[in-house]
């Protein structure tokens, strides 16, 4: 069974600085721009910036995996 990740979330401390950096890197504006989440849609993947993510326990980027059936999916 295929396991893919299409979402990566990055905890950020300075949302304005992170947004400027990611916008420059991707060459596009975010499609979601709110105080609690900034999201970019890049080639079918979601790249998200999470202000305060460190306070929520995020220690670095987190990939979210898409699976067809979580009950039968084994960890790679």
Protein backbone atom coordinates (compact mmCIF):
# COMPACT_ATOMS: atom_id res chain seq x y z
CA UNK A 1 0.00 0.00 0.00
CA UNK A 2 1.40 3.36 -1.02
CA UNK A 3 2.18 5.89 1.66
CA UNK A 4 2.72 9.47 0.55
CA UNK A 5 3.20 12.72 2.32
CA UNK A 6 1.71 15.79 0.76
CA UNK A 7 1.85 18.16 3.72
CA UNK A 8 4.84 19.49 5.63
CA UNK A 9 4.34 21.87 8.54
CA UNK A 10 7.12 24.15 9.82
CA UNK A 11 7.02 25.73 13.28
CA UNK A 12 8.10 29.36 13.07
CA UNK A 13 8.82 32.02 15.68
CA UNK A 14 8.59 35.05 13.40
CA UNK A 15 5.74 34.55 10.92
CA UNK A 16 6.49 37.69 8.91
CA UNK A 17 10.12 36.75 8.40
CA UNK A 18 9.26 33.13 7.59
CA UNK A 19 6.53 34.20 5.15
CA UNK A 20 8.97 36.52 3.35
CA UNK A 21 11.57 33.74 3.13
CA UNK A 22 9.17 31.04 1.87
CA UNK A 23 7.49 33.44 -0.58
CA UNK A 24 10.90 34.30 -1.99
CA UNK A 25 11.94 30.63 -2.20
CA UNK A 26 8.72 29.45 -3.86
CA UNK A 27 8.12 32.56 -5.98
CA UNK A 28 4.41 32.59 -5.09
CA UNK A 29 2.21 34.18 -2.45
CA UNK A 30 0.58 31.91 0.14
CA UNK A 31 -2.95 30.69 -0.61
CA UNK A 32 -3.78 30.84 3.12
CA UNK A 33 -2.53 33.80 5.13
CA UNK A 34 -3.89 33.99 8.66
CA UNK A 35 -2.37 34.80 12.05
CA UNK A 36 -2.33 31.09 13.02
CA UNK A 37 -1.37 29.46 9.70
CA UNK A 38 0.27 30.41 6.40
CA UNK A 39 -0.01 27.83 3.63
CA UNK A 40 1.56 27.40 0.22
CA UNK A 41 0.31 24.99 -2.43
CA UNK A 42 3.36 23.80 -4.35
CA UNK A 43 2.95 21.19 -7.10
CA UNK A 44 0.13 19.43 -5.23
CA UNK A 45 1.81 19.60 -1.84
CA UNK A 46 0.89 21.80 1.09
CA UNK A 47 3.73 23.61 2.85
CA UNK A 48 2.52 25.25 6.04
CA UNK A 49 4.02 27.71 8.49
CA UNK A 50 2.74 27.37 12.05
CA UNK A 51 3.45 30.38 14.30
CA UNK A 52 3.75 29.21 17.87
CA UNK A 53 4.37 25.66 16.69
CA UNK A 54 7.28 25.38 19.11
CA UNK A 55 4.90 26.21 21.96
CA UNK A 56 2.66 23.37 20.74
CA UNK A 57 5.51 20.86 20.96
CA UNK A 58 6.76 20.97 17.37
CA UNK A 59 10.56 20.63 17.40
CA UNK A 60 11.03 20.86 13.64
CA UNK A 61 9.23 20.23 10.36
CA UNK A 62 6.48 17.62 10.54
CA UNK A 63 5.40 15.58 7.52
CA UNK A 64 1.80 14.39 7.44
CA UNK A 65 1.26 11.12 5.61
CA UNK A 66 -1.68 10.24 3.36
CA UNK A 67 -2.76 6.60 3.50
CA UNK A 68 -5.67 4.73 1.96
CA UNK A 69 -6.48 2.72 5.11
CA UNK A 70 -4.71 3.60 8.34
CA UNK A 71 -5.76 0.33 10.00
CA UNK A 72 -3.76 -1.74 7.51
CA UNK A 73 -0.89 0.64 6.80
CA UNK A 74 2.43 -0.30 8.33
CA UNK A 75 5.14 2.14 9.16
CA UNK A 76 7.98 2.08 6.62
